[in-house]
Each structure stands twice: as C-alpha cells, then as structure tokens.
PDB file of N, CA and C in Angstrom:
ATOM      1  N   MET A   1      -7.383  -1.223  18.292  1.00  0.00           N
ATOM      2  CA  MET A   1      -6.572  -1.652  17.168  1.00  0.00           C
ATOM      3  C   MET A   1      -6.364  -0.481  16.221  1.00  0.00           C
ATOM      4  N   GLY A   2      -5.230  -0.513  15.532  1.00  0.00           N
ATOM      5  CA  GLY A   2      -4.904   0.573  14.627  1.00  0.00           C
ATOM      6  C   GLY A   2      -4.468   0.071  13.272  1.00  0.00           C
ATOM      7  N   LEU A   3      -3.952   0.993  12.516  1.00  0.00           N
ATOM      8  CA  LEU A   3      -3.460   0.671  11.182  1.00  0.00           C
ATOM      9  C   LEU A   3      -2.008   0.221  11.258  1.00  0.00           C
ATOM     10  N   ILE A   4      -1.650  -0.724  10.383  1.00  0.00           N
ATOM     11  CA  ILE A   4      -0.258  -1.129  10.245  1.00  0.00           C
ATOM     12  C   ILE A   4       0.143  -0.980   8.783  1.00  0.00           C
ATOM     13  N   LYS A   5       1.360  -0.521   8.572  1.00  0.00           N
ATOM     14  CA  LYS A   5       1.857  -0.323   7.207  1.00  0.00           C
ATOM     15  C   LYS A   5       2.352  -1.656   6.678  1.00  0.00           C
ATOM     16  N   ILE A   6       1.859  -2.032   5.493  1.00  0.00           N
ATOM     17  CA  ILE A   6       2.276  -3.289   4.879  1.00  0.00           C
ATOM     18  C   ILE A   6       3.111  -3.074   3.619  1.00  0.00           C
ATOM     19  N   PHE A   7       3.155  -1.820   3.144  1.00  0.00           N
ATOM     20  CA  PHE A   7       3.914  -1.547   1.920  1.00  0.00           C
ATOM     21  C   PHE A   7       4.269  -0.071   1.858  1.00  0.00           C
ATOM     22  N   SER A   8       5.423   0.210   1.297  1.00  0.00           N
ATOM     23  CA  SER A   8       5.850   1.568   1.001  1.00  0.00           C
ATOM     24  C   SER A   8       6.686   1.497  -0.271  1.00  0.00           C
ATOM     25  N   GLY A   9       6.259   2.195  -1.305  1.00  0.00           N
ATOM     26  CA  GLY A   9       6.995   2.131  -2.559  1.00  0.00           C
ATOM     27  C   GLY A   9       6.295   2.862  -3.680  1.00  0.00           C
ATOM     28  N   GLU A  10       6.537   2.397  -4.887  1.00  0.00           N
ATOM     29  CA  GLU A  10       5.997   3.042  -6.081  1.00  0.00           C
ATOM     30  C   GLU A  10       4.477   2.913  -6.146  1.00  0.00           C
ATOM     31  N   GLU A  11       3.845   3.941  -6.708  1.00  0.00           N
ATOM     32  CA  GLU A  11       2.387   3.998  -6.766  1.00  0.00           C
ATOM     33  C   GLU A  11       1.790   2.814  -7.526  1.00  0.00           C
ATOM     34  N   ILE A  12       2.393   2.424  -8.638  1.00  0.00           N
ATOM     35  CA  ILE A  12       1.826   1.332  -9.429  1.00  0.00           C
ATOM     36  C   ILE A  12       1.803   0.021  -8.643  1.00  0.00           C
ATOM     37  N   LEU A  13       2.831  -0.211  -7.831  1.00  0.00           N
ATOM     38  CA  LEU A  13       2.863  -1.414  -6.991  1.00  0.00           C
ATOM     39  C   LEU A  13       1.861  -1.308  -5.850  1.00  0.00           C
ATOM     40  N   ALA A  14       1.714  -0.115  -5.291  1.00  0.00           N
ATOM     41  CA  ALA A  14       0.747   0.093  -4.217  1.00  0.00           C
ATOM     42  C   ALA A  14      -0.674  -0.168  -4.706  1.00  0.00           C
ATOM     43  N   VAL A  15      -0.982   0.281  -5.905  1.00  0.00           N
ATOM     44  CA  VAL A  15      -2.316   0.060  -6.479  1.00  0.00           C
ATOM     45  C   VAL A  15      -2.545  -1.432  -6.708  1.00  0.00           C
ATOM     46  N   SER A  16      -1.536  -2.127  -7.200  1.00  0.00           N
ATOM     47  CA  SER A  16      -1.645  -3.562  -7.426  1.00  0.00           C
ATOM     48  C   SER A  16      -1.903  -4.303  -6.111  1.00  0.00           C
ATOM     49  N   LEU A  17      -1.164  -3.951  -5.064  1.00  0.00           N
ATOM     50  CA  LEU A  17      -1.366  -4.579  -3.767  1.00  0.00           C
ATOM     51  C   LEU A  17      -2.744  -4.252  -3.207  1.00  0.00           C
ATOM     52  N   LYS A  18      -3.170  -3.024  -3.352  1.00  0.00           N
ATOM     53  CA  LYS A  18      -4.505  -2.601  -2.888  1.00  0.00           C
ATOM     54  C   LYS A  18      -5.586  -3.453  -3.547  1.00  0.00           C
ATOM     55  N   GLU A  19      -5.473  -3.658  -4.856  1.00  0.00           N
ATOM     56  CA  GLU A  19      -6.466  -4.456  -5.576  1.00  0.00           C
ATOM     57  C   GLU A  19      -6.485  -5.893  -5.075  1.00  0.00           C
ATOM     58  N   ARG A  20      -5.316  -6.462  -4.828  1.00  0.00           N
ATOM     59  CA  ARG A  20      -5.245  -7.836  -4.314  1.00  0.00           C
ATOM     60  C   ARG A  20      -5.882  -7.942  -2.931  1.00  0.00           C
ATOM     61  N   MET A  21      -5.617  -6.953  -2.094  1.00  0.00           N
ATOM     62  CA  MET A  21      -6.192  -6.967  -0.746  1.00  0.00           C
ATOM     63  C   MET A  21      -7.713  -6.837  -0.801  1.00  0.00           C
ATOM     64  N   GLU A  22      -8.192  -5.959  -1.656  1.00  0.00           N
ATOM     65  CA  GLU A  22      -9.635  -5.766  -1.780  1.00  0.00           C
ATOM     66  C   GLU A  22     -10.322  -7.016  -2.328  1.00  0.00           C
ATOM     67  N   GLU A  23      -9.650  -7.754  -3.220  1.00  0.00           N
ATOM     68  CA  GLU A  23     -10.199  -9.016  -3.716  1.00  0.00           C
ATOM     69  C   GLU A  23     -10.349 -10.029  -2.583  1.00  0.00           C
ATOM     70  N   ALA A  24      -9.480  -9.927  -1.570  1.00  0.00           N
ATOM     71  CA  ALA A  24      -9.543 -10.817  -0.404  1.00  0.00           C
ATOM     72  C   ALA A  24     -10.447 -10.232   0.680  1.00  0.00           C
ATOM     73  N   ASP A  25     -11.205  -9.194   0.340  1.00  0.00           N
ATOM     74  CA  ASP A  25     -12.155  -8.552   1.258  1.00  0.00           C
ATOM     75  C   ASP A  25     -11.453  -7.931   2.471  1.00  0.00           C
ATOM     76  N   ILE A  26     -10.339  -7.257   2.201  1.00  0.00           N
ATOM     77  CA  ILE A  26      -9.571  -6.573   3.244  1.00  0.00           C
ATOM     78  C   ILE A  26      -9.578  -5.084   2.914  1.00  0.00           C
ATOM     79  N   ASN A  27     -10.021  -4.280   3.870  1.00  0.00           N
ATOM     80  CA  ASN A  27     -10.036  -2.826   3.683  1.00  0.00           C
ATOM     81  C   ASN A  27      -8.613  -2.281   3.727  1.00  0.00           C
ATOM     82  N   VAL A  28      -8.339  -1.342   2.828  1.00  0.00           N
ATOM     83  CA  VAL A  28      -6.998  -0.795   2.669  1.00  0.00           C
ATOM     84  C   VAL A  28      -7.058   0.730   2.724  1.00  0.00           C
ATOM     85  N   VAL A  29      -6.035   1.322   3.328  1.00  0.00           N
ATOM     86  CA  VAL A  29      -5.864   2.774   3.313  1.00  0.00           C
ATOM     87  C   VAL A  29      -4.566   3.053   2.570  1.00  0.00           C
ATOM     88  N   VAL A  30      -4.642   3.919   1.559  1.00  0.00           N
ATOM     89  CA  VAL A  30      -3.463   4.286   0.779  1.00  0.00           C
ATOM     90  C   VAL A  30      -3.157   5.749   1.050  1.00  0.00           C
ATOM     91  N   ARG A  31      -1.921   6.013   1.404  1.00  0.00           N
ATOM     92  CA  ARG A  31      -1.489   7.393   1.651  1.00  0.00           C
ATOM     93  C   ARG A  31      -0.409   7.760   0.652  1.00  0.00           C
ATOM     94  N   ASP A  32      -0.674   8.827  -0.080  1.00  0.00           N
ATOM     95  CA  ASP A  32       0.287   9.362  -1.030  1.00  0.00           C
ATOM     96  C   ASP A  32       0.668  10.746  -0.533  1.00  0.00           C
ATOM     97  N   ASN A  33       1.825  10.861   0.043  1.00  0.00           N
ATOM     98  CA  ASN A  33       2.262  12.127   0.629  1.00  0.00           C
ATOM     99  C   ASN A  33       3.051  12.988  -0.348  1.00  0.00           C
ATOM    100  N   ASN A  34       2.847  12.751  -1.624  1.00  0.00           N
ATOM    101  CA  ASN A  34       3.564  13.508  -2.649  1.00  0.00           C
ATOM    102  C   ASN A  34       3.016  14.934  -2.706  1.00  0.00           C
ATOM    103  N   GLN A  35       3.881  15.914  -2.501  1.00  0.00           N
ATOM    104  CA  GLN A  35       3.479  17.318  -2.508  1.00  0.00           C
ATOM    105  C   GLN A  35       3.683  17.983  -3.871  1.00  0.00           C
ATOM    106  N   ALA A  36       3.981  17.205  -4.896  1.00  0.00           N
ATOM    107  CA  ALA A  36       4.273  17.779  -6.211  1.00  0.00           C
ATOM    108  C   ALA A  36       3.080  18.550  -6.770  1.00  0.00           C
ATOM    109  N   ASN A  37       1.865  18.148  -6.441  1.00  0.00           N
ATOM    110  CA  ASN A  37       0.693  18.861  -6.940  1.00  0.00           C
ATOM    111  C   ASN A  37       0.543  20.220  -6.263  1.00  0.00           C
ATOM    112  N   VAL A  38       1.003  20.333  -5.035  1.00  0.00           N
ATOM    113  CA  VAL A  38       0.895  21.582  -4.294  1.00  0.00           C
ATOM    114  C   VAL A  38       2.053  22.508  -4.644  1.00  0.00           C
ATOM    115  N   LEU A  39       3.235  21.942  -4.706  1.00  0.00           N
ATOM    116  CA  LEU A  39       4.433  22.707  -5.014  1.00  0.00           C
ATOM    117  C   LEU A  39       5.084  22.133  -6.270  1.00  0.00           C
ATOM    118  N   PRO A  40       4.674  22.586  -7.452  1.00  0.00           N
ATOM    119  CA  PRO A  40       5.147  21.990  -8.705  1.00  0.00           C
ATOM    120  C   PRO A  40       6.659  21.995  -8.893  1.00  0.00           C
ATOM    121  N   SER A  41       7.376  22.851  -8.193  1.00  0.00           N
ATOM    122  CA  SER A  41       8.827  22.891  -8.361  1.00  0.00           C
ATOM    123  C   SER A  41       9.523  21.709  -7.689  1.00  0.00           C
ATOM    124  N   ILE A  42       8.814  20.994  -6.840  1.00  0.00           N
ATOM    125  CA  ILE A  42       9.391  19.831  -6.166  1.00  0.00           C
ATOM    126  C   ILE A  42       9.217  18.616  -7.073  1.00  0.00           C
ATOM    127  N   THR A  43      10.312  17.975  -7.422  1.00  0.00           N
ATOM    128  CA  THR A  43      10.239  16.847  -8.343  1.00  0.00           C
ATOM    129  C   THR A  43      10.464  15.504  -7.664  1.00  0.00           C
ATOM    130  N   THR A  44      10.782  15.503  -6.379  1.00  0.00           N
ATOM    131  CA  THR A  44      11.019  14.237  -5.686  1.00  0.00           C
ATOM    132  C   THR A  44       9.683  13.628  -5.267  1.00  0.00           C
ATOM    133  N   ALA A  45       9.423  12.452  -5.742  1.00  0.00           N
ATOM    134  CA  ALA A  45       8.191  11.752  -5.386  1.00  0.00           C
ATOM    135  C   ALA A  45       8.445  10.894  -4.151  1.00  0.00           C
ATOM    136  N   LYS A  46       7.574  11.021  -3.180  1.00  0.00           N
ATOM    137  CA  LYS A  46       7.687  10.211  -1.977  1.00  0.00           C
ATOM    138  C   LYS A  46       6.958   8.896  -2.203  1.00  0.00           C
ATOM    139  N   ALA A  47       7.304   7.930  -1.414  1.00  0.00           N
ATOM    140  CA  ALA A  47       6.699   6.607  -1.539  1.00  0.00           C
ATOM    141  C   ALA A  47       5.221   6.650  -1.168  1.00  0.00           C
ATOM    142  N   VAL A  48       4.456   5.811  -1.827  1.00  0.00           N
ATOM    143  CA  VAL A  48       3.057   5.609  -1.490  1.00  0.00           C
ATOM    144  C   VAL A  48       3.019   4.503  -0.441  1.00  0.00           C
ATOM    145  N   GLU A  49       2.220   4.706   0.595  1.00  0.00           N
ATOM    146  CA  GLU A  49       2.135   3.739   1.688  1.00  0.00           C
ATOM    147  C   GLU A  49       0.774   3.073   1.706  1.00  0.00           C
ATOM    148  N   VAL A  50       0.772   1.772   2.005  1.00  0.00           N
ATOM    149  CA  VAL A  50      -0.466   0.992   2.086  1.00  0.00           C
ATOM    150  C   VAL A  50      -0.598   0.478   3.518  1.00  0.00           C
ATOM    151  N   PHE A  51      -1.765   0.697   4.096  1.00  0.00           N
ATOM    152  CA  PHE A  51      -2.046   0.291   5.470  1.00  0.00           C
ATOM    153  C   PHE A  51      -3.280  -0.596   5.517  1.00  0.00           C
ATOM    154  N   ILE A  52      -3.315  -1.487   6.516  1.00  0.00           N
ATOM    155  CA  ILE A  52      -4.506  -2.283   6.807  1.00  0.00           C
ATOM    156  C   ILE A  52      -4.750  -2.235   8.309  1.00  0.00           C
ATOM    157  N   GLN A  53      -5.931  -2.673   8.720  1.00  0.00           N
ATOM    158  CA  GLN A  53      -6.232  -2.786  10.141  1.00  0.00           C
ATOM    159  C   GLN A  53      -5.444  -3.952  10.731  1.00  0.00           C
ATOM    160  N   GLU A  54      -4.982  -3.790  11.954  1.00  0.00           N
ATOM    161  CA  GLU A  54      -4.202  -4.842  12.614  1.00  0.00           C
ATOM    162  C   GLU A  54      -4.942  -6.179  12.629  1.00  0.00           C
ATOM    163  N   PHE A  55      -6.240  -6.140  12.901  1.00  0.00           N
ATOM    164  CA  PHE A  55      -6.988  -7.390  13.010  1.00  0.00           C
ATOM    165  C   PHE A  55      -7.132  -8.120  11.677  1.00  0.00           C
ATOM    166  N   ASP A  56      -6.836  -7.461  10.566  1.00  0.00           N
ATOM    167  CA  ASP A  56      -6.894  -8.097   9.242  1.00  0.00           C
ATOM    168  C   ASP A  56      -5.572  -8.740   8.842  1.00  0.00           C
ATOM    169  N   TYR A  57      -4.518  -8.585   9.658  1.00  0.00           N
ATOM    170  CA  TYR A  57      -3.199  -9.043   9.248  1.00  0.00           C
ATOM    171  C   TYR A  57      -3.154 -10.547   8.977  1.00  0.00           C
ATOM    172  N   GLY A  58      -3.817 -11.339   9.801  1.00  0.00           N
ATOM    173  CA  GLY A  58      -3.825 -12.789   9.589  1.00  0.00           C
ATOM    174  C   GLY A  58      -4.388 -13.163   8.231  1.00  0.00           C
ATOM    175  N   LYS A  59      -5.444 -12.494   7.840  1.00  0.00           N
ATOM    176  CA  LYS A  59      -6.066 -12.747   6.540  1.00  0.00           C
ATOM    177  C   LYS A  59      -5.222 -12.167   5.402  1.00  0.00           C
ATOM    178  N   ALA A  60      -4.527 -11.066   5.678  1.00  0.00           N
ATOM    179  CA  ALA A  60      -3.750 -10.375   4.644  1.00  0.00           C
ATOM    180  C   ALA A  60      -2.384 -11.012   4.402  1.00  0.00           C
ATOM    181  N   HIS A  61      -1.853 -11.716   5.383  1.00  0.00           N
ATOM    182  CA  HIS A  61      -0.492 -12.244   5.274  1.00  0.00           C
ATOM    183  C   HIS A  61      -0.267 -13.105   4.023  1.00  0.00           C
ATOM    184  N   PRO A  62      -1.140 -14.079   3.711  1.00  0.00           N
ATOM    185  CA  PRO A  62      -0.910 -14.877   2.489  1.00  0.00           C
ATOM    186  C   PRO A  62      -0.959 -14.028   1.211  1.00  0.00           C
ATOM    187  N   VAL A  63      -1.829 -13.039   1.184  1.00  0.00           N
ATOM    188  CA  VAL A  63      -1.934 -12.161   0.014  1.00  0.00           C
ATOM    189  C   VAL A  63      -0.657 -11.333  -0.115  1.00  0.00           C
ATOM    190  N   LEU A  64      -0.168 -10.837   1.004  1.00  0.00           N
ATOM    191  CA  LEU A  64       1.050 -10.045   1.019  1.00  0.00           C
ATOM    192  C   LEU A  64       2.260 -10.868   0.588  1.00  0.00           C
ATOM    193  N   GLU A  65       2.353 -12.098   1.059  1.00  0.00           N
ATOM    194  CA  GLU A  65       3.467 -12.973   0.672  1.00  0.00           C
ATOM    195  C   GLU A  65       3.423 -13.286  -0.821  1.00  0.00           C
ATOM    196  N   ALA A  66       2.241 -13.560  -1.361  1.00  0.00           N
ATOM    197  CA  ALA A  66       2.106 -13.828  -2.795  1.00  0.00           C
ATOM    198  C   ALA A  66       2.509 -12.598  -3.604  1.00  0.00           C
ATOM    199  N   PHE A  67       2.150 -11.421  -3.113  1.00  0.00           N
ATOM    200  CA  PHE A  67       2.515 -10.169  -3.787  1.00  0.00           C
ATOM    201  C   PHE A  67       4.041 -10.010  -3.783  1.00  0.00           C
ATOM    202  N   ARG A  68       4.663 -10.237  -2.658  1.00  0.00           N
ATOM    203  CA  ARG A  68       6.121 -10.117  -2.570  1.00  0.00           C
ATOM    204  C   ARG A  68       6.830 -11.108  -3.477  1.00  0.00           C
ATOM    205  N   MET A  69       6.306 -12.322  -3.549  1.00  0.00           N
ATOM    206  CA  MET A  69       6.905 -13.338  -4.417  1.00  0.00           C
ATOM    207  C   MET A  69       6.777 -12.951  -5.891  1.00  0.00           C
ATOM    208  N   SER A  70       5.683 -12.273  -6.240  1.00  0.00           N
ATOM    209  CA  SER A  70       5.476 -11.882  -7.632  1.00  0.00           C
ATOM    210  C   SER A  70       6.437 -10.785  -8.073  1.00  0.00           C
ATOM    211  N   LEU A  71       7.032 -10.080  -7.097  1.00  0.00           N
ATOM    212  CA  LEU A  71       7.964  -9.013  -7.433  1.00  0.00           C
ATOM    213  C   LEU A  71       9.326  -9.550  -7.843  1.00  0.00           C
ATOM    214  N   GLY A  72       9.572 -10.815  -7.498  1.00  0.00           N
ATOM    215  CA  GLY A  72      10.795 -11.463  -7.934  1.00  0.00           C
ATOM    216  C   GLY A  72      11.933 -11.208  -7.081  1.00  0.00           C
TER     217      GLY A  72
END
C-alpha cells in the first residue's frame, strides 16, 4: 500500500485538513514543494499537498467530505 493525495491547495487549508485527519487518528504526510526559501527571487508559491495511507481512506472519507462541505 502507498500514499494517496487527498488535497492540493493553499497551506492554511492543508493545515486545517491535517488537523482534522489527526483528530480522527489518521496519519498524514504534508508536502510543501515551495522553493521560495531556497531561491528568494521566485515568488510563485506551489500548492501544498496532503497525503494519507491507502488503507486509511475508508476512515478518512467522512472527514474529507465534511472538510469539503465546510469550504462552501
């Protein structure tokens, strides 16, 4: 089993989703591929990605749906 991406977007939303998943006892991996700290002249921020283990998807699905509904 591997990781599956459940979110890609703004950092503040990724952190919110991560917290919700952790409250449901689901391990989360967050990847921020923003190179702005390495190359300060680059101003384009890349999306933050949130991943979970495939076997956790059944448990994560209701949390993910509630998160999506809260976004409006």
